[in-house]
Amino acid sequence: MREKVTISERGSLTIPSRMRRAFGIKANDELFVEETEQGLLLRPAFSVPIELYSEERIAEFAREEKALAKKLQAGI
C-alpha cells in the first residue's frame, strides 16, 4: 500500500482513511515515529493510564480487604 500525503505548516499529516481502517487507527490514537535506514516508520504507541492512589483510596482498599476476609472466614 502506498499513498502520497502532504505535511501541513504545523507538521501534521493525514493518514488516508483506507490505511487507517486497514491498520485499525482511530481518532486520538498515538503513534511512534521512528527513523530507520529506509525512512520514517510509524508504529502504534500503547499508553496505559496510571492511577496514583491517595491515602483515602488506600484506606478504602484496606477496608474492602478486611470485609472480604471476614466473608471468606464466615464461608459466605
N, C-alpha and C. Protein backbone atom coordinates (compact mmCIF):
# COMPACT_ATOMS: atom_id res chain seq x y z
N MET A 1 0.84 -1.17 0.00
CA MET A 1 0.00 0.00 0.00
C MET A 1 0.90 1.24 0.00
N ARG A 2 0.66 2.13 -0.90
CA ARG A 2 1.47 3.34 -0.99
C ARG A 2 0.55 4.51 -1.29
N GLU A 3 0.68 5.58 -0.51
CA GLU A 3 -0.14 6.78 -0.69
C GLU A 3 0.75 8.00 -0.54
N LYS A 4 0.44 9.05 -1.25
CA LYS A 4 1.13 10.31 -1.11
C LYS A 4 0.35 11.16 -0.11
N VAL A 5 1.06 11.75 0.86
CA VAL A 5 0.43 12.63 1.84
C VAL A 5 1.20 13.95 1.87
N THR A 6 0.56 14.98 2.39
CA THR A 6 1.17 16.30 2.48
C THR A 6 1.28 16.70 3.94
N ILE A 7 2.40 17.26 4.31
CA ILE A 7 2.62 17.74 5.67
C ILE A 7 2.14 19.20 5.73
N SER A 8 1.33 19.52 6.74
CA SER A 8 0.84 20.90 6.89
C SER A 8 1.94 21.79 7.46
N GLU A 9 1.70 23.08 7.50
CA GLU A 9 2.67 24.02 8.07
C GLU A 9 2.96 23.69 9.52
N ARG A 10 2.01 23.12 10.22
CA ARG A 10 2.18 22.76 11.63
C ARG A 10 2.86 21.40 11.80
N GLY A 11 3.17 20.73 10.70
CA GLY A 11 3.83 19.43 10.78
C GLY A 11 2.87 18.26 10.84
N SER A 12 1.57 18.50 10.69
CA SER A 12 0.57 17.43 10.73
C SER A 12 0.47 16.76 9.37
N LEU A 13 0.15 15.47 9.41
CA LEU A 13 -0.15 14.77 8.17
C LEU A 13 -1.42 13.98 8.38
N THR A 14 -2.12 13.74 7.29
CA THR A 14 -3.35 12.97 7.35
C THR A 14 -3.08 11.60 6.75
N ILE A 15 -3.32 10.57 7.54
CA ILE A 15 -3.18 9.20 7.04
C ILE A 15 -4.48 8.88 6.30
N PRO A 16 -4.39 8.44 5.06
CA PRO A 16 -5.60 8.15 4.28
C PRO A 16 -6.53 7.17 5.02
N SER A 17 -7.83 7.39 4.86
CA SER A 17 -8.83 6.62 5.61
C SER A 17 -8.73 5.12 5.36
N ARG A 18 -8.44 4.70 4.13
CA ARG A 18 -8.36 3.25 3.90
C ARG A 18 -7.18 2.64 4.66
N MET A 19 -6.10 3.39 4.83
CA MET A 19 -4.97 2.89 5.62
C MET A 19 -5.30 2.87 7.11
N ARG A 20 -6.00 3.91 7.57
CA ARG A 20 -6.40 3.92 8.98
C ARG A 20 -7.31 2.73 9.29
N ARG A 21 -8.25 2.47 8.39
CA ARG A 21 -9.15 1.32 8.59
C ARG A 21 -8.36 0.01 8.55
N ALA A 22 -7.46 -0.12 7.59
CA ALA A 22 -6.69 -1.37 7.44
C ALA A 22 -5.84 -1.66 8.67
N PHE A 23 -5.34 -0.62 9.32
CA PHE A 23 -4.47 -0.82 10.48
C PHE A 23 -5.15 -0.53 11.81
N GLY A 24 -6.46 -0.28 11.76
CA GLY A 24 -7.22 -0.07 13.00
C GLY A 24 -6.84 1.21 13.73
N ILE A 25 -6.42 2.23 13.01
CA ILE A 25 -6.05 3.50 13.64
C ILE A 25 -7.29 4.38 13.73
N LYS A 26 -7.56 4.86 14.95
CA LYS A 26 -8.74 5.69 15.19
C LYS A 26 -8.31 7.07 15.66
N ALA A 27 -9.26 7.99 15.68
CA ALA A 27 -9.00 9.35 16.15
C ALA A 27 -8.41 9.30 17.55
N ASN A 28 -7.43 10.12 17.80
CA ASN A 28 -6.74 10.25 19.10
C ASN A 28 -5.83 9.08 19.44
N ASP A 29 -5.68 8.10 18.54
CA ASP A 29 -4.68 7.05 18.78
C ASP A 29 -3.30 7.70 18.74
N GLU A 30 -2.36 7.09 19.42
CA GLU A 30 -0.99 7.61 19.44
C GLU A 30 -0.09 6.69 18.62
N LEU A 31 0.87 7.29 17.94
CA LEU A 31 1.83 6.55 17.13
C LEU A 31 3.23 7.00 17.49
N PHE A 32 4.19 6.08 17.40
CA PHE A 32 5.60 6.43 17.49
C PHE A 32 6.09 6.67 16.07
N VAL A 33 6.96 7.63 15.89
CA VAL A 33 7.64 7.85 14.62
C VAL A 33 9.09 7.47 14.84
N GLU A 34 9.57 6.52 14.05
CA GLU A 34 10.95 6.05 14.19
C GLU A 34 11.73 6.35 12.92
N GLU A 35 12.97 6.73 13.11
CA GLU A 35 13.87 6.93 11.98
C GLU A 35 14.55 5.60 11.68
N THR A 36 14.44 5.13 10.43
CA THR A 36 15.07 3.88 10.02
C THR A 36 15.95 4.15 8.79
N GLU A 37 16.71 3.15 8.39
CA GLU A 37 17.53 3.30 7.18
C GLU A 37 16.67 3.54 5.94
N GLN A 38 15.45 3.02 5.95
CA GLN A 38 14.55 3.18 4.80
C GLN A 38 13.78 4.49 4.84
N GLY A 39 13.74 5.17 5.98
CA GLY A 39 12.97 6.41 6.12
C GLY A 39 12.26 6.44 7.45
N LEU A 40 11.10 7.06 7.48
CA LEU A 40 10.30 7.14 8.71
C LEU A 40 9.37 5.95 8.81
N LEU A 41 9.20 5.46 10.02
CA LEU A 41 8.32 4.32 10.29
C LEU A 41 7.34 4.73 11.38
N LEU A 42 6.05 4.51 11.14
CA LEU A 42 5.01 4.78 12.14
C LEU A 42 4.64 3.47 12.81
N ARG A 43 4.59 3.49 14.14
CA ARG A 43 4.19 2.29 14.90
C ARG A 43 3.17 2.70 15.95
N PRO A 44 2.24 1.79 16.29
CA PRO A 44 1.29 2.11 17.36
C PRO A 44 2.01 2.32 18.69
N ALA A 45 1.53 3.28 19.45
CA ALA A 45 2.06 3.51 20.80
C ALA A 45 0.95 3.13 21.77
N PHE A 46 1.26 2.25 22.69
CA PHE A 46 0.28 1.81 23.66
C PHE A 46 0.52 2.53 24.97
N SER A 47 -0.44 3.33 25.38
CA SER A 47 -0.34 4.06 26.64
C SER A 47 -1.26 3.40 27.65
N VAL A 48 -0.75 3.23 28.84
CA VAL A 48 -1.54 2.64 29.92
C VAL A 48 -1.70 3.69 31.01
N PRO A 49 -2.94 4.07 31.31
CA PRO A 49 -3.12 5.08 32.35
C PRO A 49 -2.67 4.55 33.71
N ILE A 50 -2.08 5.40 34.49
CA ILE A 50 -1.62 5.04 35.82
C ILE A 50 -2.46 5.76 36.84
N GLU A 51 -2.97 5.03 37.81
CA GLU A 51 -3.73 5.65 38.88
C GLU A 51 -2.80 5.82 40.08
N LEU A 52 -2.67 7.06 40.51
CA LEU A 52 -1.91 7.33 41.73
C LEU A 52 -2.89 7.31 42.88
N TYR A 53 -2.64 6.48 43.88
CA TYR A 53 -3.58 6.29 44.96
C TYR A 53 -3.36 7.30 46.08
N SER A 54 -4.45 7.95 46.45
CA SER A 54 -4.41 8.86 47.59
C SER A 54 -4.48 8.02 48.87
N GLU A 55 -4.20 8.64 49.98
CA GLU A 55 -4.29 7.93 51.28
C GLU A 55 -5.71 7.43 51.50
N GLU A 56 -6.70 8.22 51.08
CA GLU A 56 -8.11 7.81 51.25
C GLU A 56 -8.41 6.56 50.41
N ARG A 57 -7.87 6.52 49.20
CA ARG A 57 -8.10 5.36 48.33
C ARG A 57 -7.42 4.11 48.90
N ILE A 58 -6.22 4.27 49.44
CA ILE A 58 -5.51 3.15 50.07
C ILE A 58 -6.30 2.64 51.27
N ALA A 59 -6.86 3.56 52.07
CA ALA A 59 -7.69 3.17 53.21
C ALA A 59 -8.93 2.41 52.74
N GLU A 60 -9.51 2.84 51.62
CA GLU A 60 -10.67 2.16 51.06
C GLU A 60 -10.32 0.73 50.67
N PHE A 61 -9.16 0.53 50.04
CA PHE A 61 -8.72 -0.82 49.70
C PHE A 61 -8.59 -1.68 50.95
N ALA A 62 -8.00 -1.12 52.01
CA ALA A 62 -7.79 -1.86 53.25
C ALA A 62 -9.13 -2.27 53.85
N ARG A 63 -10.11 -1.35 53.85
CA ARG A 63 -11.46 -1.68 54.39
C ARG A 63 -12.10 -2.80 53.58
N GLU A 64 -11.98 -2.73 52.26
CA GLU A 64 -12.58 -3.75 51.40
C GLU A 64 -11.90 -5.10 51.60
N GLU A 65 -10.60 -5.11 51.79
CA GLU A 65 -9.89 -6.37 52.05
C GLU A 65 -10.31 -6.98 53.38
N LYS A 66 -10.48 -6.16 54.40
CA LYS A 66 -10.94 -6.67 55.70
C LYS A 66 -12.34 -7.25 55.59
N ALA A 67 -13.22 -6.55 54.87
CA ALA A 67 -14.59 -7.04 54.69
C ALA A 67 -14.60 -8.36 53.93
N LEU A 68 -13.76 -8.47 52.91
CA LEU A 68 -13.67 -9.71 52.15
C LEU A 68 -13.13 -10.84 53.01
N ALA A 69 -12.11 -10.55 53.81
CA ALA A 69 -11.53 -11.58 54.70
C ALA A 69 -12.57 -12.10 55.65
N LYS A 70 -13.42 -11.23 56.21
CA LYS A 70 -14.48 -11.67 57.14
C LYS A 70 -15.46 -12.59 56.42
N LYS A 71 -15.84 -12.24 55.18
CA LYS A 71 -16.77 -13.06 54.43
C LYS A 71 -16.15 -14.42 54.11
N LEU A 72 -14.90 -14.45 53.77
CA LEU A 72 -14.23 -15.72 53.47
C LEU A 72 -14.13 -16.60 54.70
N GLN A 73 -13.84 -15.98 55.84
CA GLN A 73 -13.76 -16.74 57.09
C GLN A 73 -15.12 -17.29 57.48
N ALA A 74 -16.18 -16.56 57.19
CA ALA A 74 -17.52 -16.99 57.54
C ALA A 74 -18.06 -18.01 56.54
N GLY A 75 -17.33 -18.19 55.44
CA GLY A 75 -17.77 -19.17 54.43
C GLY A 75 -18.88 -18.66 53.55
N ILE A 76 -19.02 -17.37 53.42
CA ILE A 76 -20.08 -16.79 52.59
C ILE A 76 -19.64 -16.74 51.14
